Amino acid sequence: MSLAHSDKLLERNRGIVRENLAILDAWVASEPRLTYTKPQAGTTALVYYDYNLPSYEFCERMYHETGAFVTPGDCFEQPHSVRIGYANNTLVLKDGLNSFSAFLQTLEK
């Protein structure tokens, strides 16, 4: 049944990914200590941060303090970065990015 409607499913999913990538792009631009190369394909992005904190510790602290979960960039031999997936529910993405921003504020203190 799904294969018979694959074009509609792909169109829906591509729309979600495009919308969420725009949200991620605007969020990275709003955070002065974050950078990334905007993905041209796929559903994940490596976001680099300007804090003297290894990515495993960064991710573990953020998870314990906010509940937001991202993958440490060191898993991909990319220090001072995190991998963010954006092929999910838009509200979940926005909530996660808000939690991420709140965590960044604690690092400024």
Protein backbone atom coordinates (compact mmCIF):
# COMPACT_ATOMS: atom_id res chain seq x y z
CA MET A 1 0.00 0.00 0.00
CA SER A 2 2.81 2.41 0.91
CA LEU A 3 4.67 1.70 -2.32
CA ALA A 4 1.55 2.49 -4.31
CA HIS A 5 1.60 5.98 -2.75
CA SER A 6 5.36 6.47 -2.50
CA ASP A 7 5.29 9.72 -4.44
CA LYS A 8 2.91 11.28 -1.92
CA LEU A 9 4.91 9.95 1.03
CA LEU A 10 8.18 11.27 -0.39
CA GLU A 11 6.62 14.66 -1.13
CA ARG A 12 5.32 14.91 2.44
CA ASN A 13 8.64 13.89 3.98
CA ARG A 14 10.65 16.23 1.76
CA GLY A 15 8.39 19.08 2.85
CA ILE A 16 9.03 18.30 6.52
CA VAL A 17 12.79 18.15 5.93
CA ARG A 18 12.83 21.44 3.99
CA GLU A 19 10.79 23.24 6.65
CA ASN A 20 12.92 21.88 9.48
CA LEU A 21 16.16 22.72 7.70
CA ALA A 22 14.97 26.33 7.38
CA ILE A 23 14.24 26.35 11.12
CA LEU A 24 17.68 24.90 11.89
CA ASP A 25 19.36 27.37 9.55
CA ALA A 26 17.69 30.37 11.20
CA TRP A 27 18.50 29.03 14.66
CA VAL A 28 22.21 28.54 13.89
CA ALA A 29 22.33 32.07 12.47
CA SER A 30 20.81 33.40 15.71
CA GLU A 31 23.42 31.74 17.94
CA PRO A 32 26.66 33.75 17.77
CA ARG A 33 28.91 30.92 18.96
CA LEU A 34 27.59 28.28 16.53
CA THR A 35 28.44 27.63 12.88
CA TYR A 36 27.70 25.00 10.28
CA THR A 37 27.71 24.28 6.61
CA LYS A 38 24.09 24.11 5.52
CA PRO A 39 23.40 20.59 4.23
CA GLN A 40 22.53 20.24 0.55
CA ALA A 41 21.04 16.77 1.11
CA GLY A 42 20.34 14.39 3.95
CA THR A 43 18.63 14.89 7.27
CA THR A 44 21.46 15.65 9.70
CA ALA A 45 23.87 18.52 10.20
CA LEU A 46 27.13 18.98 12.06
CA VAL A 47 26.92 22.15 14.12
CA TYR A 48 30.19 23.50 15.50
CA TYR A 49 30.39 25.37 18.80
CA ASP A 50 32.92 27.83 20.17
CA TYR A 51 33.27 26.56 23.75
CA ASN A 52 36.25 24.85 25.33
CA LEU A 53 34.34 21.66 26.07
CA PRO A 54 34.79 18.24 24.46
CA SER A 55 31.71 17.16 22.54
CA TYR A 56 31.04 14.07 24.69
CA GLU A 57 30.94 16.24 27.81
CA PHE A 58 28.96 18.93 26.00
CA CYS A 59 26.27 16.46 24.92
CA GLU A 60 26.12 14.64 28.24
CA ARG A 61 25.75 17.87 30.21
CA MET A 62 23.13 19.23 27.84
CA TYR A 63 21.13 16.01 28.03
CA HIS A 64 21.21 15.93 31.84
CA GLU A 65 20.44 19.64 32.19
CA THR A 66 17.77 20.03 29.50
CA GLY A 67 16.76 16.63 28.14
CA ALA A 68 17.89 17.65 24.63
CA PHE A 69 19.78 14.85 22.90
CA VAL A 70 22.32 15.27 20.11
CA THR A 71 25.26 13.14 19.00
CA PRO A 72 28.81 14.21 19.92
CA GLY A 73 30.85 15.31 16.93
CA ASP A 74 33.80 13.33 18.27
CA CYS A 75 31.91 10.20 17.15
CA PHE A 76 32.68 11.44 13.62
CA GLU A 77 36.17 12.77 14.40
CA GLN A 78 34.77 16.32 14.39
CA PRO A 79 35.69 17.92 17.73
CA HIS A 80 33.68 20.82 19.13
CA SER A 81 30.61 19.86 17.17
CA VAL A 82 27.33 18.00 17.53
CA ARG A 83 25.18 16.20 15.01
CA ILE A 84 21.58 17.32 14.89
CA GLY A 85 18.91 15.36 13.09
CA TYR A 86 16.07 17.42 11.64
CA ALA A 87 13.81 14.85 9.96
CA ASN A 88 11.35 14.75 12.80
CA ASN A 89 8.30 16.51 14.15
CA THR A 90 8.74 20.27 13.74
CA LEU A 91 7.57 21.02 17.28
CA VAL A 92 10.07 18.50 18.68
CA LEU A 93 12.85 20.17 16.69
CA LYS A 94 11.87 23.64 17.90
CA ASP A 95 11.65 22.48 21.52
CA GLY A 96 15.05 20.80 21.23
CA LEU A 97 16.66 23.89 19.72
CA ASN A 98 15.15 26.06 22.47
CA SER A 99 16.61 23.68 25.06
CA PHE A 100 19.95 23.81 23.26
CA SER A 101 19.88 27.62 23.41
CA ALA A 102 19.05 27.51 27.11
CA PHE A 103 22.02 25.21 27.67
CA LEU A 104 24.31 27.58 25.77
CA GLN A 105 23.21 30.36 28.11
CA THR A 106 24.44 28.32 31.10
CA LEU A 107 27.86 28.04 29.45
CA GLU A 108 28.08 31.83 29.24
CA LYS A 109 27.94 32.19 33.02
